[in-house]
Amino acid sequence: MEYIYAALLLHKLGQKVDEDNLKKVVSAAGAKVDEAKIKTLIAALNGVDIAAELANASIAVAVPAATEAKKEEKKEEEKPSESAAGLSALFG
């Protein structure tokens, strides 16, 4: 996970996400550098527009939050009608 964080940090700072920069960031954080993980991450990121992927991730996270807010509104709206139904049953 630290390798992905390092790549995101490099991207945020406008630095090139390559093996040398990843090694520097990971070792500066105090973690042991695993060459295989770095090479795998660089290969996986080849041709990926990180900025576009982050923008898509932000949209994907915002949608469930909006859906959850709508569910809470519906629950609040249902409570008064349930209460009214209960009262009418008592006074028949």
Protein backbone atom coordinates (compact mmCIF):
# COMPACT_ATOMS: atom_id res chain seq x y z
CA MET A 1 0.00 0.00 0.00
CA GLU A 2 2.87 2.35 0.76
CA TYR A 3 3.96 2.12 -2.88
CA ILE A 4 0.60 3.37 -4.10
CA TYR A 5 0.71 6.19 -1.57
CA ALA A 6 4.19 7.08 -2.76
CA ALA A 7 2.98 7.17 -6.37
CA LEU A 8 0.06 9.39 -5.40
CA LEU A 9 2.37 11.71 -3.47
CA LEU A 10 4.73 12.00 -6.43
CA HIS A 11 1.80 12.73 -8.73
CA LYS A 12 0.41 15.37 -6.37
CA LEU A 13 3.79 17.09 -6.21
CA GLY A 14 4.13 17.07 -9.99
CA GLN A 15 7.06 14.67 -9.97
CA LYS A 16 7.52 11.84 -12.43
CA VAL A 17 6.27 8.51 -11.10
CA ASP A 18 9.20 6.23 -11.89
CA GLU A 19 11.28 3.60 -10.12
CA ASP A 20 13.93 5.96 -8.79
CA ASN A 21 11.45 8.45 -7.33
CA LEU A 22 9.34 5.69 -5.79
CA LYS A 23 12.43 4.17 -4.16
CA LYS A 24 13.36 7.56 -2.71
CA VAL A 25 9.90 8.21 -1.28
CA VAL A 26 9.45 4.73 0.20
CA SER A 27 12.91 4.70 1.77
CA ALA A 28 12.45 8.26 3.08
CA ALA A 29 9.28 7.07 4.81
CA GLY A 30 11.32 4.44 6.61
CA ALA A 31 9.96 1.40 4.80
CA LYS A 32 12.07 -1.33 3.25
CA VAL A 33 12.16 -0.98 -0.55
CA ASP A 34 10.90 -4.03 -2.43
CA GLU A 35 12.19 -3.83 -6.02
CA ALA A 36 9.60 -6.30 -7.32
CA LYS A 37 6.68 -4.29 -5.94
CA ILE A 38 8.05 -1.09 -7.43
CA LYS A 39 8.53 -2.67 -10.85
CA THR A 40 5.03 -4.17 -10.71
CA LEU A 41 3.47 -0.83 -9.79
CA ILE A 42 5.35 1.03 -12.52
CA ALA A 43 4.22 -1.59 -15.06
CA ALA A 44 0.62 -1.31 -13.86
CA LEU A 45 0.69 2.49 -14.10
CA ASN A 46 2.14 2.47 -17.61
CA GLY A 47 -0.23 4.50 -19.79
CA VAL A 48 -2.57 5.38 -16.91
CA ASP A 49 -3.65 9.00 -16.49
CA ILE A 50 -3.55 9.27 -12.71
CA ALA A 51 -5.39 12.61 -12.65
CA ALA A 52 -8.29 11.20 -14.67
CA GLU A 53 -8.48 8.10 -12.47
CA LEU A 54 -8.57 10.22 -9.33
CA ALA A 55 -11.34 12.36 -10.81
CA ASN A 56 -13.37 9.22 -11.57
CA ALA A 57 -12.77 7.92 -8.06
CA SER A 58 -14.08 11.17 -6.55
CA ILE A 59 -17.29 10.88 -8.53
CA ALA A 60 -17.74 7.24 -7.54
CA VAL A 61 -17.37 8.10 -3.86
CA ALA A 62 -19.77 11.06 -4.03
CA VAL A 63 -22.65 9.08 -5.55
CA PRO A 64 -23.11 6.61 -2.64
CA ALA A 65 -23.02 9.50 -0.17
CA ALA A 66 -25.84 11.25 -2.03
CA THR A 67 -27.82 8.02 -2.18
CA GLU A 68 -27.41 7.52 1.56
CA ALA A 69 -28.71 11.04 2.23
CA LYS A 70 -31.82 10.32 0.14
CA LYS A 71 -32.44 7.09 2.08
CA GLU A 72 -32.28 8.99 5.37
CA GLU A 73 -34.78 11.57 4.06
CA LYS A 74 -37.19 8.80 3.07
CA LYS A 75 -36.93 7.18 6.50
CA GLU A 76 -37.75 10.48 8.19
CA GLU A 77 -40.76 11.00 5.90
CA GLU A 78 -42.11 7.53 6.67
CA LYS A 79 -42.12 7.99 10.45
CA PRO A 80 -45.02 10.50 10.67
CA SER A 81 -47.29 8.37 8.48
CA GLU A 82 -46.52 5.29 10.56
CA SER A 83 -47.34 7.23 13.71
CA ALA A 84 -50.62 8.41 12.26
CA ALA A 85 -51.56 4.87 11.27
CA GLY A 86 -50.88 3.70 14.81
CA LEU A 87 -53.09 6.42 16.31
CA SER A 88 -56.01 5.64 14.01
CA ALA A 89 -55.84 2.01 15.08
CA LEU A 90 -56.14 3.03 18.72
CA PHE A 91 -59.16 5.27 18.21
CA GLY A 92 -60.68 3.17 15.46
